[in-house]
Amino acid sequence: MNTLINNISFSLSDSIEFSFQHGNGDWDQAYLQLPDTGDSVHSILGEDFDADNEEHKAIFEQLTAFYFDSFKDVECAAASALLQKEILHVEEIDGLYVAFSENEAHIIVECAYRSYYNKQALFAEFQWDREDNPNETELVKAATAAYFASLTRELTSELNTEVKSAKENSTGDDLNIWNQGFDNCVHEFMKAEFDQFDIDYNHNELAQEFYQMHACDCRCDAENELREHFDS
């Protein structure tokens, strides 16, 4: 029995709705509650998921792998399933988690049963009925700062590699060429981090804040370091 499926897509809802194509060209659907726990309810081929059914099991494994591979990391995948939104990044801050979608930030918590279910990531909605509720604005601000600091380190490291190569392999006459290379490096970095789910980083508020407040400075620092090297 050929259980290989292709042309998989999904939409986020209470149960993630998958559409896929069998090897014979027929289309089908499945509904999965992910991350999978003992309490998850799944439907495959119009039937309740049966772990002893080899076809069900093979399809379930392929759909699950496709879902988690569609996100930057397992935390983004788990948060997206909970919030029913495409999450670009999850930042832990003060024991809570801030999940960033295209133009929003959402406060969530680690599910109390994550360890019990042996899941790398499993989240629950944050309950705002506590007496010691955090300041949401300050929490998001702190999470954004931590996220941007991490991105800045990564981008700086990539640009430093470019600067090192320029110092070893060029002269001052090549400065404009390397400056274009720095621009390309920043562009590709922004795309890799923010251009998920057909999102253009130029239309993403979070991405534009990082670009304007941090990425541009990193790029200028690279140019200035190279210029000083050639002028010395």
Protein backbone atom coordinates (compact mmCIF):
# COMPACT_ATOMS: atom_id res chain seq x y z
CA MET A 1 0.00 0.00 0.00
CA ASN A 2 1.41 3.37 -1.08
CA THR A 3 0.74 5.84 1.73
CA LEU A 4 2.95 8.66 0.44
CA ILE A 5 1.00 11.92 0.20
CA ASN A 6 1.90 15.29 -1.33
CA ASN A 7 0.63 18.82 -2.01
CA ILE A 8 -0.02 19.25 1.71
CA SER A 9 -1.48 22.49 3.05
CA PHE A 10 -3.15 23.45 6.31
CA SER A 11 -5.25 26.14 7.93
CA LEU A 12 -5.26 26.95 11.63
CA SER A 13 -8.41 26.34 13.67
CA ASP A 14 -9.44 24.43 16.81
CA SER A 15 -8.37 21.34 14.89
CA ILE A 16 -5.77 22.07 12.23
CA GLU A 17 -7.37 21.36 8.87
CA PHE A 18 -5.08 19.63 6.38
CA SER A 19 -5.63 19.14 2.70
CA PHE A 20 -3.45 16.68 0.79
CA GLN A 21 -3.24 14.55 -2.33
CA HIS A 22 -2.78 10.80 -2.52
CA GLY A 23 -0.41 9.20 -4.99
CA ASN A 24 -3.32 8.37 -7.28
CA GLY A 25 -4.23 12.05 -7.52
CA ASP A 26 -7.25 11.96 -5.21
CA TRP A 27 -7.58 14.77 -2.67
CA ASP A 28 -8.42 14.21 0.98
CA GLN A 29 -8.60 16.01 4.33
CA ALA A 30 -7.56 15.45 7.91
CA TYR A 31 -8.08 17.30 11.17
CA LEU A 32 -5.36 17.14 13.81
CA GLN A 33 -5.01 18.67 17.26
CA LEU A 34 -1.32 19.42 17.60
CA PRO A 35 0.98 19.07 19.42
CA ASP A 36 -0.29 15.53 19.84
CA THR A 37 -1.14 14.56 23.42
CA GLY A 38 -3.14 11.76 24.92
CA ASP A 39 -6.18 14.03 24.87
CA SER A 40 -5.83 15.12 21.23
CA VAL A 41 -8.66 14.25 18.86
CA HIS A 42 -7.71 13.53 15.24
CA SER A 43 -9.70 12.72 12.15
CA ILE A 44 -8.11 11.19 9.04
CA LEU A 45 -9.90 10.18 5.84
CA GLY A 46 -13.21 11.07 7.48
CA GLU A 47 -12.63 8.62 10.34
CA ASP A 48 -11.42 8.91 13.92
CA PHE A 49 -7.67 8.41 14.00
CA ASP A 50 -6.76 4.77 14.62
CA ALA A 51 -3.15 4.30 15.72
CA ASP A 52 -3.35 0.64 14.69
CA ASN A 53 -4.38 1.56 11.14
CA GLU A 54 -1.17 1.65 9.11
CA GLU A 55 -2.59 4.10 6.55
CA HIS A 56 -3.83 6.45 9.27
CA LYS A 57 -0.48 6.24 11.05
CA ALA A 58 1.56 6.95 7.91
CA ILE A 59 -0.61 9.92 6.93
CA PHE A 60 -0.57 11.28 10.48
CA GLU A 61 3.23 11.17 10.62
CA GLN A 62 3.61 12.96 7.27
CA LEU A 63 1.09 15.68 8.16
CA THR A 64 2.65 16.24 11.58
CA ALA A 65 6.15 16.50 10.10
CA PHE A 66 4.93 18.94 7.44
CA TYR A 67 3.22 21.11 10.06
CA PHE A 68 6.21 21.44 12.36
CA ASP A 69 8.63 21.90 9.46
CA SER A 70 6.54 24.89 8.32
CA PHE A 71 7.66 26.96 11.34
CA LYS A 72 10.95 28.43 12.50
CA ASP A 73 10.98 26.16 15.54
CA VAL A 74 8.78 23.89 17.63
CA GLU A 75 7.77 26.73 19.96
CA CYS A 76 6.35 28.74 17.05
CA ALA A 77 4.48 25.67 15.82
CA ALA A 78 2.98 24.95 19.25
CA ALA A 79 2.03 28.59 19.84
CA SER A 80 0.43 28.82 16.39
CA ALA A 81 -1.72 25.78 17.13
CA LEU A 82 -2.87 27.33 20.40
CA LEU A 83 -3.51 30.85 19.13
CA GLN A 84 -4.71 29.86 15.63
CA LYS A 85 -2.34 32.48 14.23
CA GLU A 86 0.91 32.13 12.30
CA ILE A 87 3.56 32.82 14.93
CA LEU A 88 6.95 34.13 13.78
CA HIS A 89 8.80 34.05 17.09
CA VAL A 90 8.29 33.10 20.74
CA GLU A 91 10.30 34.87 23.44
CA GLU A 92 10.38 33.78 27.07
CA ILE A 93 10.39 36.65 29.51
CA ASP A 94 9.87 36.59 33.30
CA GLY A 95 8.47 33.06 33.23
CA LEU A 96 5.89 33.92 30.57
CA TYR A 97 6.06 33.77 26.77
CA VAL A 98 5.38 36.44 24.19
CA ALA A 99 4.35 35.04 20.82
CA PHE A 100 4.79 37.43 17.89
CA SER A 101 2.54 37.12 14.87
CA GLU A 102 2.75 39.42 11.86
CA ASN A 103 1.63 42.60 13.64
CA GLU A 104 0.57 41.43 17.11
CA ALA A 105 2.03 40.10 20.36
CA HIS A 106 0.26 37.49 22.47
CA ILE A 107 0.96 36.48 26.09
CA ILE A 108 0.92 32.73 26.71
CA VAL A 109 2.24 30.34 29.36
CA GLU A 110 3.81 26.92 29.37
CA CYS A 111 1.10 24.28 29.70
CA ALA A 112 1.16 22.65 33.13
CA TYR A 113 1.10 19.23 31.47
CA ARG A 114 4.01 19.76 29.07
CA SER A 115 6.35 17.50 31.04
CA TYR A 116 3.62 14.92 31.61
CA TYR A 117 3.02 14.66 27.88
CA ASN A 118 6.80 14.80 27.24
CA LYS A 119 6.49 17.65 24.74
CA GLN A 120 9.30 19.99 23.78
CA ALA A 121 6.76 22.83 23.62
CA LEU A 122 3.16 22.99 24.77
CA PHE A 123 1.39 26.24 25.66
CA ALA A 124 -1.82 27.47 27.27
CA GLU A 125 -3.63 30.79 27.28
CA PHE A 126 -2.54 33.25 29.96
CA GLN A 127 -5.31 33.95 32.45
CA TRP A 128 -5.62 37.66 33.18
CA ASP A 129 -7.74 37.23 36.33
CA ARG A 130 -4.81 37.12 38.75
CA GLU A 131 -4.21 39.83 41.33
CA ASP A 132 -0.54 40.07 40.34
CA ASN A 133 -1.08 40.42 36.60
CA PRO A 134 2.00 41.72 34.78
CA ASN A 135 1.94 44.95 32.83
CA GLU A 136 1.26 43.66 29.33
CA THR A 137 2.82 46.65 27.60
CA GLU A 138 6.04 46.38 29.60
CA LEU A 139 6.16 42.62 29.11
CA VAL A 140 5.89 42.92 25.34
CA LYS A 141 8.45 45.73 25.37
CA ALA A 142 10.93 43.59 27.31
CA ALA A 143 10.33 40.56 25.08
CA THR A 144 10.80 42.67 21.96
CA ALA A 145 14.06 44.07 23.32
CA ALA A 146 15.36 40.57 24.11
CA TYR A 147 14.33 39.30 20.66
CA PHE A 148 15.95 42.23 18.88
CA ALA A 149 19.13 41.87 20.93
CA SER A 150 19.42 38.26 19.81
CA LEU A 151 18.79 39.19 16.17
CA THR A 152 21.35 41.99 16.39
CA ARG A 153 24.00 39.56 17.60
CA GLU A 154 23.22 37.16 14.76
CA LEU A 155 23.24 39.87 12.09
CA THR A 156 26.42 41.44 13.46
CA SER A 157 28.12 38.05 13.33
CA GLU A 158 27.13 37.58 9.68
CA LEU A 159 28.29 41.07 8.74
CA ASN A 160 31.56 40.58 10.61
CA THR A 161 32.21 37.55 8.43
CA GLU A 162 31.67 39.73 5.37
CA VAL A 163 33.97 42.43 6.74
CA LYS A 164 36.70 39.90 7.50
CA SER A 165 36.49 38.53 3.96
CA ALA A 166 36.62 42.06 2.52
CA LYS A 167 39.71 42.95 4.52
CA GLU A 168 41.49 39.83 3.30
CA ASN A 169 40.42 39.86 -0.34
CA SER A 170 39.95 43.43 -1.57
CA THR A 171 41.22 47.00 -1.63
CA GLY A 172 39.65 50.38 -1.05
CA ASP A 173 38.65 50.46 -4.69
CA ASP A 174 36.20 47.63 -3.97
CA LEU A 175 34.37 49.46 -1.19
CA ASN A 176 31.18 50.07 -3.19
CA ILE A 177 31.02 46.42 -4.14
CA TRP A 178 31.29 45.34 -0.51
CA ASN A 179 28.75 47.94 0.56
CA GLN A 180 26.28 46.33 -1.83
CA GLY A 181 27.23 43.02 -0.30
CA PHE A 182 26.37 44.35 3.16
CA ASP A 183 22.99 45.49 1.83
CA ASN A 184 22.39 42.04 0.39
CA CYS A 185 23.41 40.40 3.66
CA VAL A 186 20.89 42.47 5.63
CA HIS A 187 18.18 41.84 3.05
CA GLU A 188 18.67 38.08 3.13
CA PHE A 189 18.78 38.12 6.94
CA MET A 190 15.48 40.00 7.12
CA LYS A 191 13.86 37.63 4.64
CA ALA A 192 15.04 34.54 6.51
CA GLU A 193 13.72 35.80 9.84
CA PHE A 194 10.49 37.55 8.88
CA ASP A 195 9.36 36.41 5.40
CA GLN A 196 7.41 33.42 6.68
CA PHE A 197 3.94 32.39 5.47
CA ASP A 198 4.16 34.69 2.43
CA ILE A 199 4.74 37.70 4.72
CA ASP A 200 6.88 40.47 3.23
CA TYR A 201 9.12 41.99 5.88
CA ASN A 202 8.59 45.40 4.31
CA HIS A 203 4.95 45.21 5.43
CA ASN A 204 5.61 43.72 8.87
CA GLU A 205 5.59 46.26 11.71
CA LEU A 206 7.87 44.18 13.94
CA ALA A 207 10.34 43.59 11.11
CA GLN A 208 10.40 47.25 10.17
CA GLU A 209 11.06 48.27 13.76
CA PHE A 210 14.06 45.94 13.91
CA TYR A 211 15.27 47.04 10.48
CA GLN A 212 15.07 50.76 11.23
CA MET A 213 16.32 50.67 14.82
CA HIS A 214 18.95 47.92 14.66
CA ALA A 215 19.68 46.35 11.26
CA CYS A 216 20.57 49.66 9.60
CA ASP A 217 23.03 50.45 12.40
CA CYS A 218 24.63 47.02 12.03
CA ARG A 219 25.06 47.59 8.33
CA CYS A 220 26.55 51.07 8.85
CA ASP A 221 28.96 49.72 11.47
CA ALA A 222 30.19 47.16 8.95
CA GLU A 223 30.75 49.82 6.29
CA ASN A 224 32.51 52.14 8.73
CA GLU A 225 34.80 49.38 9.97
CA LEU A 226 35.78 48.48 6.42
CA ARG A 227 36.27 52.10 5.42
CA GLU A 228 38.51 52.74 8.45
CA HIS A 229 40.52 49.65 7.57
CA PHE A 230 41.22 50.90 4.03
CA ASP A 231 41.94 54.44 5.23
CA SER A 232 44.44 53.37 7.88
